[in-house]
Amino acid sequence: MFSFVVDAGFLDKARELLMPLSNQAMLPEVAVFTMVIMAYAGAGKTKDAHKVYRHMLGTAVTPTSYTYTALSPLVMGLSPAPILTQF
C-alpha cells in the first residue's frame, strides 16, 4: 500500500500511513523513517527528505547504513537510488 501511495504522488499521506506503525512496534522506527526518506528522495523532494532525517535525529532514532545510503545521493546532488518495493 505504501508503494502505491508513493507512486500516486501522495508522499505526505504515505508518511502518515507509516508513522503510526512505529508506535505499534510492527517495524523498527528507523525502518519507517528510512522508507519515508527514500520516498521523498525518489520523488526529488530533497528538502522534505532532509526534514524527515532531522526529525528522525530529534526523536533519538539512530540512522542505519540504509538511511545513509538513501541520503548520500541527495547530499552529493545525484539522482536518488530507486525506491525498494520489497524487503
C-alpha atoms as a PDB file:
ATOM      1  CA  MET A   1       0.000   0.000   0.000  1.00  0.00           C
ATOM      2  CA  PHE A   2       2.867   2.361   0.854  1.00  0.00           C
ATOM      3  CA  SER A   3       4.405   1.941  -2.603  1.00  0.00           C
ATOM      4  CA  PHE A   4       1.040   2.559  -4.289  1.00  0.00           C
ATOM      5  CA  VAL A   5       0.501   5.792  -2.367  1.00  0.00           C
ATOM      6  CA  VAL A   6       4.059   6.944  -3.163  1.00  0.00           C
ATOM      7  CA  ASP A   7       3.665   6.053  -6.852  1.00  0.00           C
ATOM      8  CA  ALA A   8       0.432   8.047  -6.926  1.00  0.00           C
ATOM      9  CA  GLY A   9       2.367  11.085  -5.702  1.00  0.00           C
ATOM     10  CA  PHE A  10       0.819  11.363  -2.247  1.00  0.00           C
ATOM     11  CA  LEU A  11       4.047  11.486  -0.255  1.00  0.00           C
ATOM     12  CA  ASP A  12       2.618  13.205   2.802  1.00  0.00           C
ATOM     13  CA  LYS A  13      -0.156  10.627   3.022  1.00  0.00           C
ATOM     14  CA  ALA A  14       2.419   7.823   2.699  1.00  0.00           C
ATOM     15  CA  ARG A  15       4.319   9.332   5.592  1.00  0.00           C
ATOM     16  CA  GLU A  16       1.138   9.444   7.682  1.00  0.00           C
ATOM     17  CA  LEU A  17       0.470   5.790   6.881  1.00  0.00           C
ATOM     18  CA  LEU A  18       3.822   4.671   8.205  1.00  0.00           C
ATOM     19  CA  MET A  19       4.241   6.833  11.279  1.00  0.00           C
ATOM     20  CA  PRO A  20       1.572   5.098  13.406  1.00  0.00           C
ATOM     21  CA  LEU A  21       3.308   1.772  12.776  1.00  0.00           C
ATOM     22  CA  SER A  22       6.342   2.865  14.740  1.00  0.00           C
ATOM     23  CA  ASN A  23       4.190   3.158  17.873  1.00  0.00           C
ATOM     24  CA  GLN A  24       2.855  -0.379  17.425  1.00  0.00           C
ATOM     25  CA  ALA A  25       6.335  -1.970  17.223  1.00  0.00           C
ATOM     26  CA  MET A  26       5.483  -3.616  13.895  1.00  0.00           C
ATOM     27  CA  LEU A  27       8.535  -2.076  12.239  1.00  0.00           C
ATOM     28  CA  PRO A  28      11.586  -0.550  13.842  1.00  0.00           C
ATOM     29  CA  GLU A  29      11.290   3.229  13.862  1.00  0.00           C
ATOM     30  CA  VAL A  30      14.490   3.546  11.856  1.00  0.00           C
ATOM     31  CA  ALA A  31      12.915   1.466   9.064  1.00  0.00           C
ATOM     32  CA  VAL A  32       9.851   3.713   8.962  1.00  0.00           C
ATOM     33  CA  PHE A  33      11.936   6.872   8.817  1.00  0.00           C
ATOM     34  CA  THR A  34      14.226   5.402   6.164  1.00  0.00           C
ATOM     35  CA  MET A  35      11.287   4.382   3.958  1.00  0.00           C
ATOM     36  CA  VAL A  36       9.815   7.872   4.197  1.00  0.00           C
ATOM     37  CA  ILE A  37      13.211   9.418   3.386  1.00  0.00           C
ATOM     38  CA  MET A  38      13.537   7.097   0.380  1.00  0.00           C
ATOM     39  CA  ALA A  39      10.046   8.030  -0.826  1.00  0.00           C
ATOM     40  CA  TYR A  40      10.795  11.748  -0.678  1.00  0.00           C
ATOM     41  CA  ALA A  41      14.210  11.239  -2.272  1.00  0.00           C
ATOM     42  CA  GLY A  42      12.731   9.142  -5.061  1.00  0.00           C
ATOM     43  CA  ALA A  43      10.253  11.909  -5.790  1.00  0.00           C
ATOM     44  CA  GLY A  44      13.023  14.503  -5.915  1.00  0.00           C
ATOM     45  CA  LYS A  45      11.863  16.213  -2.714  1.00  0.00           C
ATOM     46  CA  THR A  46      15.301  16.722  -1.194  1.00  0.00           C
ATOM     47  CA  LYS A  47      14.238  19.282   1.412  1.00  0.00           C
ATOM     48  CA  ASP A  48      11.449  17.034   2.676  1.00  0.00           C
ATOM     49  CA  ALA A  49      13.821  14.048   2.885  1.00  0.00           C
ATOM     50  CA  HIS A  50      16.226  16.183   4.920  1.00  0.00           C
ATOM     51  CA  LYS A  51      13.379  17.387   7.149  1.00  0.00           C
ATOM     52  CA  VAL A  52      12.409  13.774   7.914  1.00  0.00           C
ATOM     53  CA  TYR A  53      16.057  12.951   8.650  1.00  0.00           C
ATOM     54  CA  ARG A  54      16.301  15.875  11.099  1.00  0.00           C
ATOM     55  CA  HIS A  55      13.050  14.759  12.748  1.00  0.00           C
ATOM     56  CA  MET A  56      14.490  11.245  12.996  1.00  0.00           C
ATOM     57  CA  LEU A  57      17.546  12.561  14.825  1.00  0.00           C
ATOM     58  CA  GLY A  58      15.363  14.779  17.016  1.00  0.00           C
ATOM     59  CA  THR A  59      13.419  11.757  18.223  1.00  0.00           C
ATOM     60  CA  ALA A  60      16.654   9.939  19.125  1.00  0.00           C
ATOM     61  CA  VAL A  61      16.325   7.329  16.374  1.00  0.00           C
ATOM     62  CA  THR A  62      19.781   6.241  15.222  1.00  0.00           C
ATOM     63  CA  PRO A  63      20.211   6.098  11.442  1.00  0.00           C
ATOM     64  CA  THR A  64      21.466   2.890   9.854  1.00  0.00           C
ATOM     65  CA  SER A  65      23.649   2.347   6.820  1.00  0.00           C
ATOM     66  CA  TYR A  66      20.435   2.057   4.771  1.00  0.00           C
ATOM     67  CA  THR A  67      19.397   5.527   5.924  1.00  0.00           C
ATOM     68  CA  TYR A  68      22.737   6.968   4.880  1.00  0.00           C
ATOM     69  CA  THR A  69      22.550   5.101   1.568  1.00  0.00           C
ATOM     70  CA  ALA A  70      19.212   6.798   0.888  1.00  0.00           C
ATOM     71  CA  LEU A  71      20.612  10.217   1.832  1.00  0.00           C
ATOM     72  CA  SER A  72      24.058  10.109   0.246  1.00  0.00           C
ATOM     73  CA  PRO A  73      22.989  10.730  -3.393  1.00  0.00           C
ATOM     74  CA  LEU A  74      20.971  13.737  -2.238  1.00  0.00           C
ATOM     75  CA  VAL A  75      23.940  15.209  -0.412  1.00  0.00           C
ATOM     76  CA  MET A  76      26.132  14.739  -3.478  1.00  0.00           C
ATOM     77  CA  GLY A  77      23.496  16.201  -5.797  1.00  0.00           C
ATOM     78  CA  LEU A  78      22.995  12.946  -7.678  1.00  0.00           C
ATOM     79  CA  SER A  79      19.807  11.143  -8.659  1.00  0.00           C
ATOM     80  CA  PRO A  80      18.425   9.128  -5.742  1.00  0.00           C
ATOM     81  CA  ALA A  81      18.506   5.358  -5.656  1.00  0.00           C
ATOM     82  CA  PRO A  82      15.295   3.661  -6.822  1.00  0.00           C
ATOM     83  CA  ILE A  83      12.672   3.044  -4.161  1.00  0.00           C
ATOM     84  CA  LEU A  84      12.712  -0.524  -2.906  1.00  0.00           C
ATOM     85  CA  THR A  85       9.358  -2.231  -3.186  1.00  0.00           C
ATOM     86  CA  GLN A  86      10.322  -5.458  -1.409  1.00  0.00           C
ATOM     87  CA  PHE A  87      12.372  -6.120   1.694  1.00  0.00           C
END
